[in-house]
């Protein structure tokens, strides 16, 4: 089992989860985070820390495609180990439908 970040992180990018991760398996894109599924130790401490409720165990229904999505971008983006401020539109975009199609950026964080 591993944990994955899903589309509700897009356009929010809260980083509360990064602070509690004991193995530094979060990677940062321009407007979201992902978890490297091969580095995650399945401890689950990140899941309740996410204000956007975007982190799920890969055993939950509908997470299959998110495992590969997280793997792909974790291998392209830089690791993030410290909490940062969320994106300015985070509160406004939290819970919005269709965020992957509307806002996702493949760009790495700068």
PDB file of N, CA and C in Angstrom:
ATOM      1  N   UNK A   1       0.844  -1.187   0.000  1.00  0.00           N
ATOM      2  CA  UNK A   1       0.000   0.000   0.000  1.00  0.00           C
ATOM      3  C   UNK A   1       0.885   1.245   0.000  1.00  0.00           C
ATOM      4  N   UNK A   2       0.363   2.295  -0.584  1.00  0.00           N
ATOM      5  CA  UNK A   2       1.018   3.599  -0.570  1.00  0.00           C
ATOM      6  C   UNK A   2      -0.071   4.664  -0.491  1.00  0.00           C
ATOM      7  N   UNK A   3       0.328   5.871  -0.285  1.00  0.00           N
ATOM      8  CA  UNK A   3      -0.601   6.990  -0.314  1.00  0.00           C
ATOM      9  C   UNK A   3      -0.339   7.785  -1.578  1.00  0.00           C
ATOM     10  N   UNK A   4      -1.384   8.423  -2.091  1.00  0.00           N
ATOM     11  CA  UNK A   4      -1.270   9.227  -3.306  1.00  0.00           C
ATOM     12  C   UNK A   4      -1.977  10.558  -3.110  1.00  0.00           C
ATOM     13  N   UNK A   5      -1.498  11.542  -3.850  1.00  0.00           N
ATOM     14  CA  UNK A   5      -2.148  12.845  -3.871  1.00  0.00           C
ATOM     15  C   UNK A   5      -3.063  12.858  -5.083  1.00  0.00           C
ATOM     16  N   UNK A   6      -4.291  13.310  -4.871  1.00  0.00           N
ATOM     17  CA  UNK A   6      -5.260  13.373  -5.965  1.00  0.00           C
ATOM     18  C   UNK A   6      -5.517  14.819  -6.376  1.00  0.00           C
ATOM     19  N   UNK A   7      -6.450  14.988  -7.304  1.00  0.00           N
ATOM     20  CA  UNK A   7      -6.651  16.283  -7.952  1.00  0.00           C
ATOM     21  C   UNK A   7      -7.095  17.427  -7.060  1.00  0.00           C
ATOM     22  N   UNK A   8      -7.591  17.189  -5.865  1.00  0.00           N
ATOM     23  CA  UNK A   8      -7.991  18.339  -5.060  1.00  0.00           C
ATOM     24  C   UNK A   8      -6.791  19.154  -4.577  1.00  0.00           C
ATOM     25  N   UNK A   9      -5.592  18.611  -4.695  1.00  0.00           N
ATOM     26  CA  UNK A   9      -4.392  19.375  -4.357  1.00  0.00           C
ATOM     27  C   UNK A   9      -4.103  20.446  -5.417  1.00  0.00           C
ATOM     28  N   UNK A  10      -4.520  20.187  -6.640  1.00  0.00           N
ATOM     29  CA  UNK A  10      -4.248  21.108  -7.752  1.00  0.00           C
ATOM     30  C   UNK A  10      -4.854  22.477  -7.462  1.00  0.00           C
ATOM     31  N   UNK A  11      -4.056  23.510  -7.666  1.00  0.00           N
ATOM     32  CA  UNK A  11      -4.440  24.914  -7.465  1.00  0.00           C
ATOM     33  C   UNK A  11      -4.619  25.266  -5.990  1.00  0.00           C
ATOM     34  N   UNK A  12      -4.250  24.365  -5.096  1.00  0.00           N
ATOM     35  CA  UNK A  12      -4.247  24.656  -3.655  1.00  0.00           C
ATOM     36  C   UNK A  12      -2.810  24.558  -3.137  1.00  0.00           C
ATOM     37  N   UNK A  13      -2.233  23.360  -3.274  1.00  0.00           N
ATOM     38  CA  UNK A  13      -0.863  23.048  -2.878  1.00  0.00           C
ATOM     39  C   UNK A  13      -0.575  23.416  -1.421  1.00  0.00           C
ATOM     40  N   UNK A  14      -1.421  22.900  -0.534  1.00  0.00           N
ATOM     41  CA  UNK A  14      -1.108  23.000   0.887  1.00  0.00           C
ATOM     42  C   UNK A  14       0.085  22.087   1.145  1.00  0.00           C
ATOM     43  N   UNK A  15       0.957  22.460   2.039  1.00  0.00           N
ATOM     44  CA  UNK A  15       2.146  21.649   2.295  1.00  0.00           C
ATOM     45  C   UNK A  15       2.235  21.175   3.745  1.00  0.00           C
ATOM     46  N   UNK A  16       1.142  21.170   4.446  1.00  0.00           N
ATOM     47  CA  UNK A  16       1.112  20.679   5.826  1.00  0.00           C
ATOM     48  C   UNK A  16       1.602  19.231   5.888  1.00  0.00           C
ATOM     49  N   UNK A  17       1.285  18.451   4.858  1.00  0.00           N
ATOM     50  CA  UNK A  17       1.652  17.036   4.781  1.00  0.00           C
ATOM     51  C   UNK A  17       3.162  16.845   4.747  1.00  0.00           C
ATOM     52  N   UNK A  18       3.857  17.764   4.115  1.00  0.00           N
ATOM     53  CA  UNK A  18       5.304  17.666   3.951  1.00  0.00           C
ATOM     54  C   UNK A  18       6.007  17.697   5.305  1.00  0.00           C
ATOM     55  N   UNK A  19       5.512  18.520   6.197  1.00  0.00           N
ATOM     56  CA  UNK A  19       6.136  18.671   7.525  1.00  0.00           C
ATOM     57  C   UNK A  19       6.130  17.388   8.341  1.00  0.00           C
ATOM     58  N   UNK A  20       5.114  16.567   8.174  1.00  0.00           N
ATOM     59  CA  UNK A  20       4.986  15.366   9.000  1.00  0.00           C
ATOM     60  C   UNK A  20       5.553  14.110   8.355  1.00  0.00           C
ATOM     61  N   UNK A  21       5.901  14.171   7.097  1.00  0.00           N
ATOM     62  CA  UNK A  21       6.404  12.983   6.385  1.00  0.00           C
ATOM     63  C   UNK A  21       7.790  12.590   6.908  1.00  0.00           C
ATOM     64  N   UNK A  22       7.912  11.366   7.438  1.00  0.00           N
ATOM     65  CA  UNK A  22       9.206  10.967   7.992  1.00  0.00           C
ATOM     66  C   UNK A  22      10.245  10.542   6.951  1.00  0.00           C
ATOM     67  N   UNK A  23       9.844  10.380   5.695  1.00  0.00           N
ATOM     68  CA  UNK A  23      10.781   9.910   4.675  1.00  0.00           C
ATOM     69  C   UNK A  23      10.944  10.862   3.486  1.00  0.00           C
ATOM     70  N   UNK A  24      10.383  12.043   3.555  1.00  0.00           N
ATOM     71  CA  UNK A  24      10.553  13.043   2.497  1.00  0.00           C
ATOM     72  C   UNK A  24      10.206  12.506   1.115  1.00  0.00           C
ATOM     73  N   UNK A  25       8.991  11.958   0.976  1.00  0.00           N
ATOM     74  CA  UNK A  25       8.594  11.370  -0.310  1.00  0.00           C
ATOM     75  C   UNK A  25       7.638  12.267  -1.104  1.00  0.00           C
ATOM     76  N   UNK A  26       7.519  13.551  -0.717  1.00  0.00           N
ATOM     77  CA  UNK A  26       6.677  14.487  -1.457  1.00  0.00           C
ATOM     78  C   UNK A  26       7.520  15.242  -2.471  1.00  0.00           C
ATOM     79  N   UNK A  27       6.923  15.476  -3.639  1.00  0.00           N
ATOM     80  CA  UNK A  27       7.583  16.196  -4.717  1.00  0.00           C
ATOM     81  C   UNK A  27       6.675  17.333  -5.162  1.00  0.00           C
ATOM     82  N   UNK A  28       7.303  18.442  -5.568  1.00  0.00           N
ATOM     83  CA  UNK A  28       6.552  19.677  -5.786  1.00  0.00           C
ATOM     84  C   UNK A  28       6.500  20.111  -7.242  1.00  0.00           C
ATOM     85  N   UNK A  29       5.274  20.217  -7.729  1.00  0.00           N
ATOM     86  CA  UNK A  29       5.048  20.795  -9.034  1.00  0.00           C
ATOM     87  C   UNK A  29       4.661  22.258  -8.879  1.00  0.00           C
ATOM     88  N   UNK A  30       4.442  22.909  -9.981  1.00  0.00           N
ATOM     89  CA  UNK A  30       4.075  24.319  -9.962  1.00  0.00           C
ATOM     90  C   UNK A  30       2.814  24.570  -9.144  1.00  0.00           C
ATOM     91  N   UNK A  31       1.808  23.661  -9.264  1.00  0.00           N
ATOM     92  CA  UNK A  31       0.563  23.935  -8.542  1.00  0.00           C
ATOM     93  C   UNK A  31      -0.019  22.733  -7.807  1.00  0.00           C
ATOM     94  N   UNK A  32       0.817  21.729  -7.524  1.00  0.00           N
ATOM     95  CA  UNK A  32       0.370  20.613  -6.680  1.00  0.00           C
ATOM     96  C   UNK A  32       1.575  19.831  -6.175  1.00  0.00           C
ATOM     97  N   UNK A  33       1.319  18.897  -5.272  1.00  0.00           N
ATOM     98  CA  UNK A  33       2.328  17.976  -4.769  1.00  0.00           C
ATOM     99  C   UNK A  33       1.969  16.565  -5.205  1.00  0.00           C
ATOM    100  N   UNK A  34       2.944  15.684  -5.206  1.00  0.00           N
ATOM    101  CA  UNK A  34       2.707  14.252  -5.411  1.00  0.00           C
ATOM    102  C   UNK A  34       3.572  13.481  -4.418  1.00  0.00           C
ATOM    103  N   UNK A  35       3.236  12.214  -4.232  1.00  0.00           N
ATOM    104  CA  UNK A  35       3.987  11.305  -3.369  1.00  0.00           C
ATOM    105  C   UNK A  35       4.634  10.246  -4.248  1.00  0.00           C
ATOM    106  N   UNK A  36       5.920   9.996  -4.029  1.00  0.00           N
ATOM    107  CA  UNK A  36       6.566   8.912  -4.785  1.00  0.00           C
ATOM    108  C   UNK A  36       6.124   7.596  -4.155  1.00  0.00           C
ATOM    109  N   UNK A  37       5.371   6.769  -4.883  1.00  0.00           N
ATOM    110  CA  UNK A  37       4.824   5.543  -4.294  1.00  0.00           C
ATOM    111  C   UNK A  37       5.873   4.518  -3.873  1.00  0.00           C
ATOM    112  N   UNK A  38       7.068   4.579  -4.444  1.00  0.00           N
ATOM    113  CA  UNK A  38       8.113   3.640  -4.050  1.00  0.00           C
ATOM    114  C   UNK A  38       8.863   4.104  -2.801  1.00  0.00           C
ATOM    115  N   UNK A  39       8.708   5.352  -2.439  1.00  0.00           N
ATOM    116  CA  UNK A  39       9.393   5.892  -1.263  1.00  0.00           C
ATOM    117  C   UNK A  39       8.472   5.980  -0.052  1.00  0.00           C
ATOM    118  N   UNK A  40       7.179   6.035  -0.284  1.00  0.00           N
ATOM    119  CA  UNK A  40       6.195   6.130   0.797  1.00  0.00           C
ATOM    120  C   UNK A  40       6.266   4.856   1.648  1.00  0.00           C
ATOM    121  N   UNK A  41       6.296   5.034   2.967  1.00  0.00           N
ATOM    122  CA  UNK A  41       6.368   3.880   3.866  1.00  0.00           C
ATOM    123  C   UNK A  41       4.993   3.528   4.447  1.00  0.00           C
ATOM    124  N   UNK A  42       3.954   4.120   3.897  1.00  0.00           N
ATOM    125  CA  UNK A  42       2.579   3.778   4.259  1.00  0.00           C
ATOM    126  C   UNK A  42       2.226   4.084   5.709  1.00  0.00           C
ATOM    127  N   UNK A  43       2.871   5.086   6.282  1.00  0.00           N
ATOM    128  CA  UNK A  43       2.601   5.392   7.691  1.00  0.00           C
ATOM    129  C   UNK A  43       1.267   6.115   7.875  1.00  0.00           C
ATOM    130  N   UNK A  44       0.835   6.858   6.848  1.00  0.00           N
ATOM    131  CA  UNK A  44      -0.462   7.518   6.893  1.00  0.00           C
ATOM    132  C   UNK A  44      -0.523   8.821   7.663  1.00  0.00           C
ATOM    133  N   UNK A  45       0.596   9.311   8.179  1.00  0.00           N
ATOM    134  CA  UNK A  45       0.535  10.547   8.967  1.00  0.00           C
ATOM    135  C   UNK A  45       0.200  11.773   8.116  1.00  0.00           C
ATOM    136  N   UNK A  46       0.442  11.697   6.828  1.00  0.00           N
ATOM    137  CA  UNK A  46       0.161  12.839   5.948  1.00  0.00           C
ATOM    138  C   UNK A  46      -1.330  13.026   5.677  1.00  0.00           C
ATOM    139  N   UNK A  47      -2.054  11.942   5.606  1.00  0.00           N
ATOM    140  CA  UNK A  47      -3.457  11.994   5.179  1.00  0.00           C
ATOM    141  C   UNK A  47      -4.310  12.954   6.011  1.00  0.00           C
ATOM    142  N   UNK A  48      -4.297  12.872   7.341  1.00  0.00           N
ATOM    143  CA  UNK A  48      -5.137  13.793   8.116  1.00  0.00           C
ATOM    144  C   UNK A  48      -4.622  15.231   8.136  1.00  0.00           C
ATOM    145  N   UNK A  49      -3.390  15.447   7.712  1.00  0.00           N
ATOM    146  CA  UNK A  49      -2.811  16.789   7.726  1.00  0.00           C
ATOM    147  C   UNK A  49      -3.232  17.640   6.533  1.00  0.00           C
ATOM    148  N   UNK A  50      -3.769  17.026   5.498  1.00  0.00           N
ATOM    149  CA  UNK A  50      -4.101  17.747   4.267  1.00  0.00           C
ATOM    150  C   UNK A  50      -5.408  18.518   4.420  1.00  0.00           C
ATOM    151  N   UNK A  51      -5.356  19.854   4.420  1.00  0.00           N
ATOM    152  CA  UNK A  51      -6.580  20.649   4.551  1.00  0.00           C
ATOM    153  C   UNK A  51      -7.542  20.470   3.376  1.00  0.00           C
ATOM    154  N   UNK A  52      -7.017  20.062   2.215  1.00  0.00           N
ATOM    155  CA  UNK A  52      -7.846  19.884   1.019  1.00  0.00           C
ATOM    156  C   UNK A  52      -8.375  18.460   0.885  1.00  0.00           C
ATOM    157  N   UNK A  53      -8.027  17.587   1.820  1.00  0.00           N
ATOM    158  CA  UNK A  53      -8.465  16.195   1.784  1.00  0.00           C
ATOM    159  C   UNK A  53      -8.102  15.540   0.449  1.00  0.00           C
ATOM    160  N   UNK A  54      -6.863  15.781   0.000  1.00  0.00           N
ATOM    161  CA  UNK A  54      -6.418  15.297  -1.311  1.00  0.00           C
ATOM    162  C   UNK A  54      -5.554  14.050  -1.252  1.00  0.00           C
ATOM    163  N   UNK A  55      -5.241  13.551  -0.060  1.00  0.00           N
ATOM    164  CA  UNK A  55      -4.378  12.380   0.070  1.00  0.00           C
ATOM    165  C   UNK A  55      -5.217  11.161   0.415  1.00  0.00           C
ATOM    166  N   UNK A  56      -4.990  10.084  -0.332  1.00  0.00           N
ATOM    167  CA  UNK A  56      -5.750   8.844  -0.148  1.00  0.00           C
ATOM    168  C   UNK A  56      -4.820   7.636  -0.174  1.00  0.00           C
ATOM    169  N   UNK A  57      -5.237   6.585   0.509  1.00  0.00           N
ATOM    170  CA  UNK A  57      -4.536   5.302   0.416  1.00  0.00           C
ATOM    171  C   UNK A  57      -4.849   4.708  -0.945  1.00  0.00           C
ATOM    172  N   UNK A  58      -3.882   4.032  -1.544  1.00  0.00           N
ATOM    173  CA  UNK A  58      -4.103   3.472  -2.877  1.00  0.00           C
ATOM    174  C   UNK A  58      -5.059   2.283  -2.880  1.00  0.00           C
ATOM    175  N   UNK A  59      -5.520   1.878  -1.729  1.00  0.00           N
ATOM    176  CA  UNK A  59      -6.499   0.793  -1.644  1.00  0.00           C
ATOM    177  C   UNK A  59      -7.928   1.300  -1.784  1.00  0.00           C
ATOM    178  N   UNK A  60      -8.107   2.623  -1.788  1.00  0.00           N
ATOM    179  CA  UNK A  60      -9.445   3.193  -1.943  1.00  0.00           C
ATOM    180  C   UNK A  60      -9.862   3.162  -3.406  1.00  0.00           C
ATOM    181  N   UNK A  61     -11.158   2.995  -3.661  1.00  0.00           N
ATOM    182  CA  UNK A  61     -11.645   2.972  -5.046  1.00  0.00           C
ATOM    183  C   UNK A  61     -11.283   4.262  -5.796  1.00  0.00           C
ATOM    184  N   UNK A  62     -10.900   4.106  -7.046  1.00  0.00           N
ATOM    185  CA  UNK A  62     -10.606   5.255  -7.895  1.00  0.00           C
ATOM    186  C   UNK A  62      -9.188   5.788  -7.792  1.00  0.00           C
ATOM    187  N   UNK A  63      -8.335   5.128  -7.031  1.00  0.00           N
ATOM    188  CA  UNK A  63      -6.972   5.641  -6.868  1.00  0.00           C
ATOM    189  C   UNK A  63      -5.959   5.005  -7.823  1.00  0.00           C
ATOM    190  N   UNK A  64      -6.367   4.017  -8.576  1.00  0.00           N
ATOM    191  CA  UNK A  64      -5.438   3.283  -9.427  1.00  0.00           C
ATOM    192  C   UNK A  64      -4.633   4.200 -10.358  1.00  0.00           C
ATOM    193  N   UNK A  65      -5.299   5.082 -11.056  1.00  0.00           N
ATOM    194  CA  UNK A  65      -4.600   5.955 -12.000  1.00  0.00           C
ATOM    195  C   UNK A  65      -3.738   6.988 -11.276  1.00  0.00           C
ATOM    196  N   UNK A  66      -4.100   7.311 -10.051  1.00  0.00           N
ATOM    197  CA  UNK A  66      -3.331   8.296  -9.299  1.00  0.00           C
ATOM    198  C   UNK A  66      -1.974   7.765  -8.849  1.00  0.00           C
ATOM    199  N   UNK A  67      -1.844   6.456  -8.685  1.00  0.00           N
ATOM    200  CA  UNK A  67      -0.550   5.887  -8.310  1.00  0.00           C
ATOM    201  C   UNK A  67       0.460   6.168  -9.421  1.00  0.00           C
ATOM    202  N   UNK A  68       0.097   5.892 -10.651  1.00  0.00           N
ATOM    203  CA  UNK A  68       1.014   6.127 -11.771  1.00  0.00           C
ATOM    204  C   UNK A  68       1.226   7.618 -12.020  1.00  0.00           C
ATOM    205  N   UNK A  69       0.182   8.410 -11.830  1.00  0.00           N
ATOM    206  CA  UNK A  69       0.297   9.864 -11.957  1.00  0.00           C
ATOM    207  C   UNK A  69       1.326  10.380 -10.957  1.00  0.00           C
ATOM    208  N   UNK A  70       1.201   9.966  -9.682  1.00  0.00           N
ATOM    209  CA  UNK A  70       2.137  10.396  -8.644  1.00  0.00           C
ATOM    210  C   UNK A  70       3.554   9.937  -8.968  1.00  0.00           C
ATOM    211  N   UNK A  71       3.705   8.695  -9.419  1.00  0.00           N
ATOM    212  CA  UNK A  71       5.030   8.164  -9.760  1.00  0.00           C
ATOM    213  C   UNK A  71       5.663   9.004 -10.874  1.00  0.00           C
ATOM    214  N   UNK A  72       4.907   9.256 -11.926  1.00  0.00           N
ATOM    215  CA  UNK A  72       5.425   9.997 -13.073  1.00  0.00           C
ATOM    216  C   UNK A  72       5.985  11.357 -12.660  1.00  0.00           C
ATOM    217  N   UNK A  73       5.195  12.114 -11.915  1.00  0.00           N
ATOM    218  CA  UNK A  73       5.628  13.471 -11.578  1.00  0.00           C
ATOM    219  C   UNK A  73       6.638  13.499 -10.440  1.00  0.00           C
ATOM    220  N   UNK A  74       6.632  12.505  -9.568  1.00  0.00           N
ATOM    221  CA  UNK A  74       7.655  12.435  -8.517  1.00  0.00           C
ATOM    222  C   UNK A  74       9.036  12.233  -9.133  1.00  0.00           C
ATOM    223  N   UNK A  75       9.079  11.593 -10.284  1.00  0.00           N
ATOM    224  CA  UNK A  75      10.352  11.372 -10.952  1.00  0.00           C
ATOM    225  C   UNK A  75      10.805  12.581 -11.775  1.00  0.00           C
ATOM    226  N   UNK A  76       9.917  13.561 -11.935  1.00  0.00           N
ATOM    227  CA  UNK A  76      10.246  14.764 -12.707  1.00  0.00           C
ATOM    228  C   UNK A  76      10.440  16.009 -11.850  1.00  0.00           C
ATOM    229  N   UNK A  77       9.756  16.055 -10.725  1.00  0.00           N
ATOM    230  CA  UNK A  77       9.742  17.260  -9.888  1.00  0.00           C
ATOM    231  C   UNK A  77      10.721  17.153  -8.722  1.00  0.00           C
ATOM    232  N   UNK A  78      11.114  18.302  -8.142  1.00  0.00           N
ATOM    233  CA  UNK A  78      12.034  18.280  -6.996  1.00  0.00           C
ATOM    234  C   UNK A  78      11.323  17.873  -5.701  1.00  0.00           C
ATOM    235  N   UNK A  79      12.097  17.264  -4.812  1.00  0.00           N
ATOM    236  CA  UNK A  79      11.564  16.896  -3.504  1.00  0.00           C
ATOM    237  C   UNK A  79      11.270  18.176  -2.709  1.00  0.00           C
ATOM    238  N   UNK A  80      10.270  18.123  -1.872  1.00  0.00           N
ATOM    239  CA  UNK A  80       9.944  19.242  -0.992  1.00  0.00           C
ATOM    240  C   UNK A  80       9.968  18.708   0.439  1.00  0.00           C
ATOM    241  N   UNK A  81      10.685  19.395   1.318  1.00  0.00           N
ATOM    242  CA  UNK A  81      10.841  18.908   2.689  1.00  0.00           C
ATOM    243  C   UNK A  81      10.412  19.925   3.744  1.00  0.00           C
ATOM    244  N   UNK A  82      10.062  21.134   3.321  1.00  0.00           N
ATOM    245  CA  UNK A  82       9.632  22.163   4.266  1.00  0.00           C
ATOM    246  C   UNK A  82       8.290  22.737   3.844  1.00  0.00           C
ATOM    247  N   UNK A  83       7.509  23.084   4.842  1.00  0.00           N
ATOM    248  CA  UNK A  83       6.193  23.682   4.604  1.00  0.00           C
ATOM    249  C   UNK A  83       6.353  25.052   3.942  1.00  0.00           C
ATOM    250  N   UNK A  84       5.453  25.336   3.006  1.00  0.00           N
ATOM    251  CA  UNK A  84       5.390  26.635   2.329  1.00  0.00           C
ATOM    252  C   UNK A  84       3.957  27.135   2.418  1.00  0.00           C
ATOM    253  N   UNK A  85       3.755  28.371   2.080  1.00  0.00           N
ATOM    254  CA  UNK A  85       2.410  28.917   2.029  1.00  0.00           C
ATOM    255  C   UNK A  85       1.648  28.277   0.870  1.00  0.00           C
ATOM    256  N   UNK A  86       0.343  28.031   1.047  1.00  0.00           N
ATOM    257  CA  UNK A  86      -0.439  27.490  -0.076  1.00  0.00           C
ATOM    258  C   UNK A  86      -0.552  28.535  -1.189  1.00  0.00           C
ATOM    259  N   UNK A  87      -1.045  28.100  -2.327  1.00  0.00           N
ATOM    260  CA  UNK A  87      -1.248  29.027  -3.435  1.00  0.00           C
ATOM    261  C   UNK A  87      -2.295  30.063  -3.045  1.00  0.00           C
ATOM    262  N   UNK A  88      -2.211  31.264  -3.599  1.00  0.00           N
ATOM    263  CA  UNK A  88      -3.143  32.337  -3.222  1.00  0.00           C
ATOM    264  C   UNK A  88      -4.618  31.978  -3.416  1.00  0.00           C
ATOM    265  N   UNK A  89      -4.919  31.145  -4.409  1.00  0.00           N
ATOM    266  CA  UNK A  89      -6.311  30.794  -4.686  1.00  0.00           C
ATOM    267  C   UNK A  89      -6.756  29.513  -3.972  1.00  0.00           C
ATOM    268  N   UNK A  90      -5.969  29.014  -3.033  1.00  0.00           N
ATOM    269  CA  UNK A  90      -6.226  27.719  -2.395  1.00  0.00           C
ATOM    270  C   UNK A  90      -7.629  27.616  -1.788  1.00  0.00           C
ATOM    271  N   UNK A  91      -8.018  28.568  -0.974  1.00  0.00           N
ATOM    272  CA  UNK A  91      -9.343  28.484  -0.338  1.00  0.00           C
ATOM    273  C   UNK A  91     -10.462  28.501  -1.376  1.00  0.00           C
ATOM    274  N   UNK A  92     -10.312  29.326  -2.372  1.00  0.00           N
ATOM    275  CA  UNK A  92     -11.316  29.459  -3.431  1.00  0.00           C
ATOM    276  C   UNK A  92     -11.439  28.186  -4.275  1.00  0.00           C
ATOM    277  N   UNK A  93     -10.324  27.515  -4.548  1.00  0.00           N
ATOM    278  CA  UNK A  93     -10.304  26.335  -5.417  1.00  0.00           C
ATOM    279  C   UNK A  93     -10.533  25.015  -4.674  1.00  0.00           C
ATOM    280  N   UNK A  94     -10.405  25.012  -3.358  1.00  0.00           N
ATOM    281  CA  UNK A  94     -10.554  23.782  -2.570  1.00  0.00           C
ATOM    282  C   UNK A  94     -11.935  23.173  -2.794  1.00  0.00           C
ATOM    283  N   UNK A  95     -11.940  21.924  -3.249  1.00  0.00           N
ATOM    284  CA  UNK A  95     -13.189  21.206  -3.471  1.00  0.00           C
ATOM    285  C   UNK A  95     -13.819  21.406  -4.836  1.00  0.00           C
ATOM    286  N   UNK A  96     -13.229  22.224  -5.656  1.00  0.00           N
ATOM    287  CA  UNK A  96     -13.767  22.487  -6.997  1.00  0.00           C
ATOM    288  C   UNK A  96     -13.646  21.240  -7.869  1.00  0.00           C
ATOM    289  N   UNK A  97     -14.633  20.975  -8.671  1.00  0.00           N
ATOM    290  CA  UNK A  97     -14.614  19.838  -9.590  1.00  0.00           C
ATOM    291  C   UNK A  97     -13.798  20.164 -10.836  1.00  0.00           C
ATOM    292  N   UNK A  98     -13.223  19.128 -11.450  1.00  0.00           N
ATOM    293  CA  UNK A  98     -12.543  19.273 -12.738  1.00  0.00           C
ATOM    294  C   UNK A  98     -11.209  19.985 -12.678  1.00  0.00           C
ATOM    295  N   UNK A  99     -10.541  19.968 -11.553  1.00  0.00           N
ATOM    296  CA  UNK A  99      -9.288  20.710 -11.408  1.00  0.00           C
ATOM    297  C   UNK A  99      -8.157  20.160 -12.282  1.00  0.00           C
ATOM    298  N   UNK A 100      -8.136  18.867 -12.517  1.00  0.00           N
ATOM    299  CA  UNK A 100      -7.084  18.293 -13.355  1.00  0.00           C
ATOM    300  C   UNK A 100      -7.147  18.880 -14.765  1.00  0.00           C
ATOM    301  N   UNK A 101      -8.326  18.922 -15.328  1.00  0.00           N
ATOM    302  CA  UNK A 101      -8.507  19.457 -16.684  1.00  0.00           C
ATOM    303  C   UNK A 101      -8.359  20.976 -16.728  1.00  0.00           C
ATOM    304  N   UNK A 102      -8.795  21.658 -15.704  1.00  0.00           N
ATOM    305  CA  UNK A 102      -8.790  23.136 -15.710  1.00  0.00           C
ATOM    306  C   UNK A 102      -7.444  23.744 -15.367  1.00  0.00           C
ATOM    307  N   UNK A 103      -6.728  23.189 -14.375  1.00  0.00           N
ATOM    308  CA  UNK A 103      -5.593  23.902 -13.803  1.00  0.00           C
ATOM    309  C   UNK A 103      -4.254  23.181 -13.768  1.00  0.00           C
ATOM    310  N   UNK A 104      -4.222  21.870 -13.962  1.00  0.00           N
ATOM    311  CA  UNK A 104      -2.978  21.137 -13.753  1.00  0.00           C
ATOM    312  C   UNK A 104      -1.860  21.642 -14.644  1.00  0.00           C
ATOM    313  N   UNK A 105      -0.688  21.800 -14.047  1.00  0.00           N
ATOM    314  CA  UNK A 105       0.520  22.176 -14.774  1.00  0.00           C
ATOM    315  C   UNK A 105       1.559  21.076 -14.584  1.00  0.00           C
ATOM    316  N   UNK A 106       2.188  20.659 -15.675  1.00  0.00           N
ATOM    317  CA  UNK A 106       3.252  19.658 -15.602  1.00  0.00           C
ATOM    318  C   UNK A 106       4.574  20.250 -15.148  1.00  0.00           C
ATOM    319  N   UNK A 107       4.637  21.568 -15.044  1.00  0.00           N
ATOM    320  CA  UNK A 107       5.880  22.246 -14.678  1.00  0.00           C
ATOM    321  C   UNK A 107       6.277  21.941 -13.241  1.00  0.00           C
ATOM    322  N   UNK A 108       7.571  21.838 -13.037  1.00  0.00           N
ATOM    323  CA  UNK A 108       8.098  21.661 -11.685  1.00  0.00           C
ATOM    324  C   UNK A 108       8.046  22.986 -10.942  1.00  0.00           C
ATOM    325  N   UNK A 109       8.076  22.906  -9.630  1.00  0.00           N
ATOM    326  CA  UNK A 109       8.136  24.127  -8.812  1.00  0.00           C
ATOM    327  C   UNK A 109       9.460  24.835  -9.058  1.00  0.00           C
ATOM    328  N   UNK A 110       9.430  26.125  -8.896  1.00  0.00           N
ATOM    329  CA  UNK A 110      10.682  26.903  -9.066  1.00  0.00           C
ATOM    330  C   UNK A 110      11.258  27.249  -7.729  1.00  0.00           C
TER     331      UNK A 110
END
